[in-house]
Amino acid sequence: MGARRLYEALRDGTADRDPAPVMAAWLARAEGAYRTELLAGAGVLAARTGPQDRRAELLWELYALSRVSDVLLLSRQPPPAPGEEDRLHHWPTVGPDEYATLFAGLGMTPFEESGAFDPFRHEIVAVEQAEDPDEPVRITGVVWPGLRLGPVLFGRAGVRVRAGVRHAERGVADRSPLYWTFLRRHRPTVDESLGWGHNSQWRTDFRVDVRTAEGDLLNAEGRDDAHSVRDDPHTALLTPAERSDLLRHRCLLRTPARVAELDAVSPDWATDLYPFDWRARR
């Protein structure tokens, strides 16, 4: 019944097959106990209470559901760079109404506000580079809606922005690896499922972000209150501001100041960072 089953049904279909009946049939089975458990579980995760085994099951199920969201959003994303694989080729295309119906049926609340840019609510999809390097980030369009599950952020809204290079660099803020993410059509992604086996990959934790009156709790399940670098040679070469960007935006916004040293450590450093243990309250 879980989201993994829906993901696999979408994956095993063909790209030109209409996924709407598959989604509708799955949702019809999910709108009862499954929906109730999700909504109750979001409160448990936000409050950071409850037995650890229940919390683990909730984190794994939300991760599986986030994979479903990722593949259903592919058709709304920019094409990949020339020479790179177009991941949309493997997945069916769904319209915005089908996407909204699925997640509304699970008790999620969409948001599309296009006011001030906020990395808690907004994922940068495309950057228009302003001539003034100090021009702040400004939203110019919404590509897909964000979703809340009770008090927990389920998915950020995808947005196009205009910004000076000192705030968001075109080709980095919109094309560098996106962490805590399974799949994007137009950029590399990194989550903790990568490299694990057929079943083990589904024991990946969902990232829990919560907005409260006291502030934002980012990656609430993380273990390190500071942006620890531990013994990681890659994150050790990022500045504190760059590590903060990586946690808040889930990607780097500009070419790192010490990029030459990072390249010397590993040509694959951009996908070898390890921010998954970090958390912060802002």
C-alpha atoms as a PDB file:
ATOM      1  CA  MET A   1       0.000   0.000   0.000  1.00  0.00           C
ATOM      2  CA  GLY A   2       2.902   2.331   0.699  1.00  0.00           C
ATOM      3  CA  ALA A   3       4.376   4.980  -1.591  1.00  0.00           C
ATOM      4  CA  ARG A   4       7.084   2.591  -2.738  1.00  0.00           C
ATOM      5  CA  ARG A   5       4.410   0.572  -4.529  1.00  0.00           C
ATOM      6  CA  LEU A   6       3.179   3.669  -6.385  1.00  0.00           C
ATOM      7  CA  TYR A   7       6.727   4.673  -7.293  1.00  0.00           C
ATOM      8  CA  GLU A   8       7.435   1.223  -8.710  1.00  0.00           C
ATOM      9  CA  ALA A   9       4.158   1.222 -10.653  1.00  0.00           C
ATOM     10  CA  LEU A  10       5.117   4.541 -12.247  1.00  0.00           C
ATOM     11  CA  ARG A  11       8.650   3.314 -12.926  1.00  0.00           C
ATOM     12  CA  ASP A  12       7.568   0.068 -14.530  1.00  0.00           C
ATOM     13  CA  GLY A  13       5.111   1.719 -16.911  1.00  0.00           C
ATOM     14  CA  THR A  14       6.148   3.215 -20.228  1.00  0.00           C
ATOM     15  CA  ALA A  15       6.743   6.913 -20.791  1.00  0.00           C
ATOM     16  CA  ASP A  16       3.730   7.267 -23.088  1.00  0.00           C
ATOM     17  CA  ARG A  17       1.328   5.434 -20.769  1.00  0.00           C
ATOM     18  CA  ASP A  18      -1.301   7.503 -18.968  1.00  0.00           C
ATOM     19  CA  PRO A  19      -0.425   7.250 -15.265  1.00  0.00           C
ATOM     20  CA  ALA A  20      -3.688   8.829 -14.072  1.00  0.00           C
ATOM     21  CA  PRO A  21      -5.572   5.517 -13.507  1.00  0.00           C
ATOM     22  CA  VAL A  22      -2.615   4.084 -11.584  1.00  0.00           C
ATOM     23  CA  MET A  23      -2.427   7.173  -9.369  1.00  0.00           C
ATOM     24  CA  ALA A  24      -6.201   7.281  -8.852  1.00  0.00           C
ATOM     25  CA  ALA A  25      -6.386   3.612  -7.868  1.00  0.00           C
ATOM     26  CA  TRP A  26      -3.511   3.980  -5.410  1.00  0.00           C
ATOM     27  CA  LEU A  27      -5.020   7.152  -3.909  1.00  0.00           C
ATOM     28  CA  ALA A  28      -8.409   5.494  -3.458  1.00  0.00           C
ATOM     29  CA  ARG A  29      -6.756   2.896  -1.219  1.00  0.00           C
ATOM     30  CA  ALA A  30      -4.653   5.498   0.597  1.00  0.00           C
ATOM     31  CA  GLU A  31      -7.230   8.120   1.525  1.00  0.00           C
ATOM     32  CA  GLY A  32      -8.311   6.313   4.690  1.00  0.00           C
ATOM     33  CA  ALA A  33      -5.865   4.965   7.253  1.00  0.00           C
ATOM     34  CA  TYR A  34      -2.778   5.872   5.227  1.00  0.00           C
ATOM     35  CA  ARG A  35      -3.732   9.555   5.047  1.00  0.00           C
ATOM     36  CA  THR A  36      -4.637   9.629   8.743  1.00  0.00           C
ATOM     37  CA  GLU A  37      -1.296   8.068   9.668  1.00  0.00           C
ATOM     38  CA  LEU A  38       0.623  10.559   7.545  1.00  0.00           C
ATOM     39  CA  LEU A  39      -1.045  13.572   9.137  1.00  0.00           C
ATOM     40  CA  ALA A  40      -0.638  12.214  12.658  1.00  0.00           C
ATOM     41  CA  GLY A  41       2.951  11.278  11.910  1.00  0.00           C
ATOM     42  CA  ALA A  42       3.799  14.781  10.728  1.00  0.00           C
ATOM     43  CA  GLY A  43       2.849  16.084  14.152  1.00  0.00           C
ATOM     44  CA  VAL A  44       5.001  13.437  15.829  1.00  0.00           C
ATOM     45  CA  LEU A  45       8.014  14.360  13.684  1.00  0.00           C
ATOM     46  CA  ALA A  46       7.540  18.097  14.181  1.00  0.00           C
ATOM     47  CA  ALA A  47       7.305  17.687  17.959  1.00  0.00           C
ATOM     48  CA  ARG A  48      10.239  15.257  17.924  1.00  0.00           C
ATOM     49  CA  THR A  49       8.335  12.816  20.126  1.00  0.00           C
ATOM     50  CA  GLY A  50       7.166   9.225  19.910  1.00  0.00           C
ATOM     51  CA  PRO A  51       8.931   5.866  19.816  1.00  0.00           C
ATOM     52  CA  GLN A  52      12.023   5.722  17.623  1.00  0.00           C
ATOM     53  CA  ASP A  53      10.744   2.779  15.602  1.00  0.00           C
ATOM     54  CA  ARG A  54       7.570   4.658  14.671  1.00  0.00           C
ATOM     55  CA  ARG A  55       9.554   7.750  13.763  1.00  0.00           C
ATOM     56  CA  ALA A  56      11.840   5.658  11.571  1.00  0.00           C
ATOM     57  CA  GLU A  57       8.887   4.141   9.693  1.00  0.00           C
ATOM     58  CA  LEU A  58       7.418   7.606   9.136  1.00  0.00           C
ATOM     59  CA  LEU A  59      10.715   8.976   7.838  1.00  0.00           C
ATOM     60  CA  TRP A  60      11.091   6.064   5.417  1.00  0.00           C
ATOM     61  CA  GLU A  61       7.513   6.373   4.161  1.00  0.00           C
ATOM     62  CA  LEU A  62       7.812  10.127   3.627  1.00  0.00           C
ATOM     63  CA  TYR A  63      11.049   9.539   1.765  1.00  0.00           C
ATOM     64  CA  ALA A  64       9.291   7.064  -0.544  1.00  0.00           C
ATOM     65  CA  LEU A  65       6.500   9.584  -1.087  1.00  0.00           C
ATOM     66  CA  SER A  66       9.065  12.286  -1.879  1.00  0.00           C
ATOM     67  CA  ARG A  67      10.413  10.017  -4.631  1.00  0.00           C
ATOM     68  CA  VAL A  68       6.948   9.872  -6.135  1.00  0.00           C
ATOM     69  CA  SER A  69       6.812  13.667  -6.063  1.00  0.00           C
ATOM     70  CA  ASP A  70      10.245  13.915  -7.677  1.00  0.00           C
ATOM     71  CA  VAL A  71       9.345  11.765 -10.665  1.00  0.00           C
ATOM     72  CA  LEU A  72       5.977  13.456 -11.168  1.00  0.00           C
ATOM     73  CA  LEU A  73       7.658  16.872 -11.310  1.00  0.00           C
ATOM     74  CA  LEU A  74      10.246  15.957 -13.957  1.00  0.00           C
ATOM     75  CA  SER A  75       8.196  17.189 -16.909  1.00  0.00           C
ATOM     76  CA  ARG A  76       7.985  20.671 -15.363  1.00  0.00           C
ATOM     77  CA  GLN A  77      11.744  21.086 -15.097  1.00  0.00           C
ATOM     78  CA  PRO A  78      14.242  22.503 -17.619  1.00  0.00           C
ATOM     79  CA  PRO A  79      15.970  20.063 -19.969  1.00  0.00           C
ATOM     80  CA  PRO A  80      19.399  18.733 -18.983  1.00  0.00           C
ATOM     81  CA  ALA A  81      22.624  20.202 -20.301  1.00  0.00           C
ATOM     82  CA  PRO A  82      23.703  19.036 -23.778  1.00  0.00           C
ATOM     83  CA  GLY A  83      25.185  15.547 -23.664  1.00  0.00           C
ATOM     84  CA  GLU A  84      23.516  14.609 -20.374  1.00  0.00           C
ATOM     85  CA  GLU A  85      20.795  11.979 -20.048  1.00  0.00           C
ATOM     86  CA  ASP A  86      17.227  13.239 -20.092  1.00  0.00           C
ATOM     87  CA  ARG A  87      15.715  11.448 -17.098  1.00  0.00           C
ATOM     88  CA  LEU A  88      12.193  12.294 -18.233  1.00  0.00           C
ATOM     89  CA  HIS A  89      12.602   9.626 -20.908  1.00  0.00           C
ATOM     90  CA  HIS A  90      12.045   6.919 -18.284  1.00  0.00           C
ATOM     91  CA  TRP A  91       8.982   8.403 -16.614  1.00  0.00           C
ATOM     92  CA  PRO A  92       5.369   9.190 -17.581  1.00  0.00           C
ATOM     93  CA  THR A  93       4.273  12.805 -17.835  1.00  0.00           C
ATOM     94  CA  VAL A  94       1.504  14.113 -15.582  1.00  0.00           C
ATOM     95  CA  GLY A  95      -0.264  17.445 -15.588  1.00  0.00           C
ATOM     96  CA  PRO A  96      -0.448  19.881 -12.667  1.00  0.00           C
ATOM     97  CA  ASP A  97      -4.021  18.869 -11.857  1.00  0.00           C
ATOM     98  CA  GLU A  98      -3.127  15.186 -11.434  1.00  0.00           C
ATOM     99  CA  TYR A  99      -0.176  16.125  -9.239  1.00  0.00           C
ATOM    100  CA  ALA A 100      -2.315  18.414  -7.072  1.00  0.00           C
ATOM    101  CA  THR A 101      -5.101  15.836  -6.768  1.00  0.00           C
ATOM    102  CA  LEU A 102      -2.744  13.118  -5.570  1.00  0.00           C
ATOM    103  CA  PHE A 103      -1.140  15.117  -2.789  1.00  0.00           C
ATOM    104  CA  ALA A 104      -4.285  16.971  -1.739  1.00  0.00           C
ATOM    105  CA  GLY A 105      -5.876  13.550  -1.354  1.00  0.00           C
ATOM    106  CA  LEU A 106      -3.142  12.743   1.166  1.00  0.00           C
ATOM    107  CA  GLY A 107      -3.966  15.817   3.242  1.00  0.00           C
ATOM    108  CA  MET A 108      -1.218  18.094   1.958  1.00  0.00           C
ATOM    109  CA  THR A 109      -1.645  21.835   1.527  1.00  0.00           C
ATOM    110  CA  PRO A 110      -0.118  23.461  -1.577  1.00  0.00           C
ATOM    111  CA  PHE A 111       1.512  26.876  -1.629  1.00  0.00           C
ATOM    112  CA  GLU A 112       2.596  28.890  -4.662  1.00  0.00           C
ATOM    113  CA  GLU A 113       3.286  32.300  -3.180  1.00  0.00           C
ATOM    114  CA  SER A 114       5.668  34.247  -5.400  1.00  0.00           C
ATOM    115  CA  GLY A 115       6.539  37.040  -2.994  1.00  0.00           C
ATOM    116  CA  ALA A 116       9.905  37.333  -1.269  1.00  0.00           C
ATOM    117  CA  PHE A 117      12.330  34.507  -1.959  1.00  0.00           C
ATOM    118  CA  ASP A 118      12.685  32.182   1.031  1.00  0.00           C
ATOM    119  CA  PRO A 119      14.981  29.124   0.868  1.00  0.00           C
ATOM    120  CA  PHE A 120      12.757  27.354   3.394  1.00  0.00           C
ATOM    121  CA  ARG A 121       9.855  27.426   0.905  1.00  0.00           C
ATOM    122  CA  HIS A 122      11.588  27.870  -2.458  1.00  0.00           C
ATOM    123  CA  GLU A 123      13.935  25.773  -4.599  1.00  0.00           C
ATOM    124  CA  ILE A 124      15.824  27.650  -7.310  1.00  0.00           C
ATOM    125  CA  VAL A 125      15.130  26.068 -10.705  1.00  0.00           C
ATOM    126  CA  ALA A 126      16.589  28.720 -13.032  1.00  0.00           C
ATOM    127  CA  VAL A 127      18.649  31.871 -12.496  1.00  0.00           C
ATOM    128  CA  GLU A 128      18.548  35.034 -14.582  1.00  0.00           C
ATOM    129  CA  GLN A 129      21.848  36.764 -13.837  1.00  0.00           C
ATOM    130  CA  ALA A 130      21.413  40.446 -13.010  1.00  0.00           C
ATOM    131  CA  GLU A 131      24.044  42.951 -14.146  1.00  0.00           C
ATOM    132  CA  ASP A 132      24.392  44.312 -10.611  1.00  0.00           C
ATOM    133  CA  PRO A 133      26.308  41.618  -8.683  1.00  0.00           C
ATOM    134  CA  ASP A 134      24.668  42.761  -5.427  1.00  0.00           C
ATOM    135  CA  GLU A 135      21.062  42.529  -6.627  1.00  0.00           C
ATOM    136  CA  PRO A 136      19.168  40.312  -4.137  1.00  0.00           C
ATOM    137  CA  VAL A 137      17.372  37.155  -5.168  1.00  0.00           C
ATOM    138  CA  ARG A 138      13.903  37.912  -6.546  1.00  0.00           C
ATOM    139  CA  ILE A 139      11.283  35.427  -7.744  1.00  0.00           C
ATOM    140  CA  THR A 140      10.250  35.883 -11.375  1.00  0.00           C
ATOM    141  CA  GLY A 141       8.016  32.820 -11.748  1.00  0.00           C
ATOM    142  CA  VAL A 142       6.696  29.686 -10.040  1.00  0.00           C
ATOM    143  CA  VAL A 143       7.435  26.393 -11.807  1.00  0.00           C
ATOM    144  CA  TRP A 144       5.659  24.007  -9.432  1.00  0.00           C
ATOM    145  CA  PRO A 145       3.858  24.387  -6.100  1.00  0.00           C
ATOM    146  CA  GLY A 146       5.262  23.612  -2.696  1.00  0.00           C
ATOM    147  CA  LEU A 147       3.510  21.263  -0.280  1.00  0.00           C
ATOM    148  CA  ARG A 148       3.039  21.193   3.483  1.00  0.00           C
ATOM    149  CA  LEU A 149       2.008  18.142   5.460  1.00  0.00           C
ATOM    150  CA  GLY A 150       0.576  19.629   8.628  1.00  0.00           C
ATOM    151  CA  PRO A 151       3.476  21.386  10.378  1.00  0.00           C
ATOM    152  CA  VAL A 152       6.158  19.696   8.231  1.00  0.00           C
ATOM    153  CA  LEU A 153       7.458  20.971   4.906  1.00  0.00           C
ATOM    154  CA  PHE A 154       7.012  18.167   2.367  1.00  0.00           C
ATOM    155  CA  GLY A 155       8.315  19.872  -0.780  1.00  0.00           C
ATOM    156  CA  ARG A 156       9.526  23.333  -1.697  1.00  0.00           C
ATOM    157  CA  ALA A 157       8.007  25.321  -4.539  1.00  0.00           C
ATOM    158  CA  GLY A 158      10.214  25.426  -7.619  1.00  0.00           C
ATOM    159  CA  VAL A 159      10.911  28.987  -8.720  1.00  0.00           C
ATOM    160  CA  ARG A 160      12.741  30.988 -11.361  1.00  0.00           C
ATOM    161  CA  VAL A 161      14.726  33.876  -9.923  1.00  0.00           C
ATOM    162  CA  ARG A 162      16.742  36.927 -10.902  1.00  0.00           C
ATOM    163  CA  ALA A 163      19.806  37.690  -8.790  1.00  0.00           C
ATOM    164  CA  GLY A 164      23.245  39.251  -8.730  1.00  0.00           C
ATOM    165  CA  VAL A 165      26.143  36.831  -8.870  1.00  0.00           C
ATOM    166  CA  ARG A 166      27.080  37.503  -5.245  1.00  0.00           C
ATOM    167  CA  HIS A 167      23.740  36.079  -4.168  1.00  0.00           C
ATOM    168  CA  ALA A 168      23.053  33.288  -6.707  1.00  0.00           C
ATOM    169  CA  GLU A 169      25.363  32.319  -9.561  1.00  0.00           C
ATOM    170  CA  ARG A 170      23.758  31.038 -12.753  1.00  0.00           C
ATOM    171  CA  GLY A 171      25.020  27.522 -13.445  1.00  0.00           C
ATOM    172  CA  VAL A 172      25.666  26.870  -9.738  1.00  0.00           C
ATOM    173  CA  ALA A 173      22.504  27.824  -7.824  1.00  0.00           C
ATOM    174  CA  ASP A 174      20.364  26.192 -10.525  1.00  0.00           C
ATOM    175  CA  ARG A 175      22.616  23.395 -11.829  1.00  0.00           C
ATOM    176  CA  SER A 176      24.942  22.218  -9.048  1.00  0.00           C
ATOM    177  CA  PRO A 177      24.094  18.986  -7.139  1.00  0.00           C
ATOM    178  CA  LEU A 178      20.921  19.250  -5.088  1.00  0.00           C
ATOM    179  CA  TYR A 179      21.207  17.373  -1.767  1.00  0.00           C
ATOM    180  CA  TRP A 180      18.419  15.602   0.154  1.00  0.00           C
ATOM    181  CA  THR A 181      16.845  14.993  -3.281  1.00  0.00           C
ATOM    182  CA  PHE A 182      16.347  11.814  -5.289  1.00  0.00           C
ATOM    183  CA  LEU A 183      15.843  13.105  -8.832  1.00  0.00           C
ATOM    184  CA  ARG A 184      15.802  16.236 -10.969  1.00  0.00           C
ATOM    185  CA  ARG A 185      15.741  16.418 -14.726  1.00  0.00           C
ATOM    186  CA  HIS A 186      18.121  19.375 -15.062  1.00  0.00           C
ATOM    187  CA  ARG A 187      20.745  18.858 -12.347  1.00  0.00           C
ATOM    188  CA  PRO A 188      22.576  16.176 -10.367  1.00  0.00           C
ATOM    189  CA  THR A 189      21.060  15.076  -7.079  1.00  0.00           C
ATOM    190  CA  VAL A 190      22.422  13.419  -3.940  1.00  0.00           C
ATOM    191  CA  ASP A 191      20.557  11.583  -1.212  1.00  0.00           C
ATOM    192  CA  GLU A 192      21.528   8.827   1.180  1.00  0.00           C
ATOM    193  CA  SER A 193      19.840   6.092  -0.866  1.00  0.00           C
ATOM    194  CA  LEU A 194      22.566   6.247  -3.500  1.00  0.00           C
ATOM    195  CA  GLY A 195      24.780   3.174  -3.610  1.00  0.00           C
ATOM    196  CA  TRP A 196      22.480   0.973  -1.503  1.00  0.00           C
ATOM    197  CA  GLY A 197      20.750  -2.208  -2.644  1.00  0.00           C
ATOM    198  CA  HIS A 198      17.256  -2.758  -4.006  1.00  0.00           C
ATOM    199  CA  ASN A 199      15.638  -2.884  -0.554  1.00  0.00           C
ATOM    200  CA  SER A 200      18.167  -1.026   1.599  1.00  0.00           C
ATOM    201  CA  GLN A 201      17.754   2.202  -0.381  1.00  0.00           C
ATOM    202  CA  TRP A 202      14.211   2.513   0.975  1.00  0.00           C
ATOM    203  CA  ARG A 203      15.567   2.888   4.499  1.00  0.00           C
ATOM    204  CA  THR A 204      16.514   6.471   3.713  1.00  0.00           C
ATOM    205  CA  ASP A 205      15.294   9.182   6.066  1.00  0.00           C
ATOM    206  CA  PHE A 206      13.143  12.039   4.826  1.00  0.00           C
ATOM    207  CA  ARG A 207      14.545  15.479   5.686  1.00  0.00           C
ATOM    208  CA  VAL A 208      12.285  17.145   8.273  1.00  0.00           C
ATOM    209  CA  ASP A 209      12.020  20.946   8.123  1.00  0.00           C
ATOM    210  CA  VAL A 210       9.544  22.721  10.408  1.00  0.00           C
ATOM    211  CA  ARG A 211       8.559  26.407  10.583  1.00  0.00           C
ATOM    212  CA  THR A 212       7.379  27.602  13.978  1.00  0.00           C
ATOM    213  CA  ALA A 213       6.730  30.929  15.679  1.00  0.00           C
ATOM    214  CA  GLU A 214      10.169  30.589  17.256  1.00  0.00           C
ATOM    215  CA  GLY A 215      11.931  30.063  13.926  1.00  0.00           C
ATOM    216  CA  ASP A 216      12.812  27.372  11.410  1.00  0.00           C
ATOM    217  CA  LEU A 217      14.167  23.988  12.399  1.00  0.00           C
ATOM    218  CA  LEU A 218      16.172  22.653   9.464  1.00  0.00           C
ATOM    219  CA  ASN A 219      16.882  18.931   9.120  1.00  0.00           C
ATOM    220  CA  ALA A 220      15.441  18.236  12.542  1.00  0.00           C
ATOM    221  CA  GLU A 221      16.693  14.639  12.548  1.00  0.00           C
ATOM    222  CA  GLY A 222      20.310  15.753  12.102  1.00  0.00           C
ATOM    223  CA  ARG A 223      22.766  15.084  14.889  1.00  0.00           C
ATOM    224  CA  ASP A 224      25.070  18.107  14.726  1.00  0.00           C
ATOM    225  CA  ASP A 225      23.804  21.484  15.901  1.00  0.00           C
ATOM    226  CA  ALA A 226      26.851  23.144  14.380  1.00  0.00           C
ATOM    227  CA  HIS A 227      27.825  22.720  10.737  1.00  0.00           C
ATOM    228  CA  SER A 228      30.305  20.058  11.661  1.00  0.00           C
ATOM    229  CA  VAL A 229      32.985  19.113   9.171  1.00  0.00           C
ATOM    230  CA  ARG A 230      34.256  16.157  11.223  1.00  0.00           C
ATOM    231  CA  ASP A 231      36.938  14.410   9.147  1.00  0.00           C
ATOM    232  CA  ASP A 232      35.350  15.187   5.774  1.00  0.00           C
ATOM    233  CA  PRO A 233      38.026  16.758   3.542  1.00  0.00           C
ATOM    234  CA  HIS A 234      35.406  18.250   1.234  1.00  0.00           C
ATOM    235  CA  THR A 235      33.129  20.084   3.652  1.00  0.00           C
ATOM    236  CA  ALA A 236      36.218  21.209   5.609  1.00  0.00           C
ATOM    237  CA  LEU A 237      37.168  23.305   2.580  1.00  0.00           C
ATOM    238  CA  LEU A 238      33.825  25.102   2.461  1.00  0.00           C
ATOM    239  CA  THR A 239      33.505  28.394   4.304  1.00  0.00           C
ATOM    240  CA  PRO A 240      30.934  28.676   7.125  1.00  0.00           C
ATOM    241  CA  ALA A 241      28.714  30.727   4.788  1.00  0.00           C
ATOM    242  CA  GLU A 242      28.954  28.052   2.083  1.00  0.00           C
ATOM    243  CA  ARG A 243      28.057  25.334   4.584  1.00  0.00           C
ATOM    244  CA  SER A 244      25.092  27.430   5.697  1.00  0.00           C
ATOM    245  CA  ASP A 245      23.940  27.752   2.089  1.00  0.00           C
ATOM    246  CA  LEU A 246      24.252  24.003   1.588  1.00  0.00           C
ATOM    247  CA  LEU A 247      21.998  23.321   4.570  1.00  0.00           C
ATOM    248  CA  ARG A 248      19.451  26.073   3.861  1.00  0.00           C
ATOM    249  CA  HIS A 249      19.238  25.810   0.057  1.00  0.00           C
ATOM    250  CA  ARG A 250      20.283  22.121  -0.197  1.00  0.00           C
ATOM    251  CA  CYS A 251      22.885  23.191  -2.759  1.00  0.00           C
ATOM    252  CA  LEU A 252      25.700  25.682  -3.190  1.00  0.00           C
ATOM    253  CA  LEU A 253      24.728  29.089  -4.552  1.00  0.00           C
ATOM    254  CA  ARG A 254      28.118  30.224  -5.846  1.00  0.00           C
ATOM    255  CA  THR A 255      31.420  28.688  -6.893  1.00  0.00           C
ATOM    256  CA  PRO A 256      33.232  27.934  -3.617  1.00  0.00           C
ATOM    257  CA  ALA A 257      36.032  30.286  -2.644  1.00  0.00           C
ATOM    258  CA  ARG A 258      38.451  27.337  -2.343  1.00  0.00           C
ATOM    259  CA  VAL A 259      37.344  25.510  -5.471  1.00  0.00           C
ATOM    260  CA  ALA A 260      40.930  24.889  -6.616  1.00  0.00           C
ATOM    261  CA  GLU A 261      41.692  23.063  -3.362  1.00  0.00           C
ATOM    262  CA  LEU A 262      38.467  21.078  -3.629  1.00  0.00           C
ATOM    263  CA  ASP A 263      39.363  20.048  -7.180  1.00  0.00           C
ATOM    264  CA  ALA A 264      42.760  18.908  -5.920  1.00  0.00           C
ATOM    265  CA  VAL A 265      41.156  16.682  -3.287  1.00  0.00           C
ATOM    266  CA  SER A 266      38.716  15.086  -5.740  1.00  0.00           C
ATOM    267  CA  PRO A 267      37.274  15.949  -9.163  1.00  0.00           C
ATOM    268  CA  ASP A 268      33.930  14.652  -7.825  1.00  0.00           C
ATOM    269  CA  TRP A 269      33.854  16.837  -4.725  1.00  0.00           C
ATOM    270  CA  ALA A 270      30.541  18.480  -5.705  1.00  0.00           C
ATOM    271  CA  THR A 271      28.665  15.202  -5.150  1.00  0.00           C
ATOM    272  CA  ASP A 272      30.866  13.998  -2.281  1.00  0.00           C
ATOM    273  CA  LEU A 273      29.880  16.580   0.321  1.00  0.00           C
ATOM    274  CA  TYR A 274      28.151  15.177   3.390  1.00  0.00           C
ATOM    275  CA  PRO A 275      25.743  17.644   5.017  1.00  0.00           C
ATOM    276  CA  PHE A 276      23.167  15.029   6.050  1.00  0.00           C
ATOM    277  CA  ASP A 277      24.034  15.170   9.759  1.00  0.00           C
ATOM    278  CA  TRP A 278      23.723  18.949  10.002  1.00  0.00           C
ATOM    279  CA  ARG A 279      20.783  20.703  11.579  1.00  0.00           C
ATOM    280  CA  ALA A 280      20.091  24.304  12.562  1.00  0.00           C
ATOM    281  CA  ARG A 281      17.477  26.523  14.102  1.00  0.00           C
ATOM    282  CA  ARG A 282      17.198  29.920  12.459  1.00  0.00           C
END
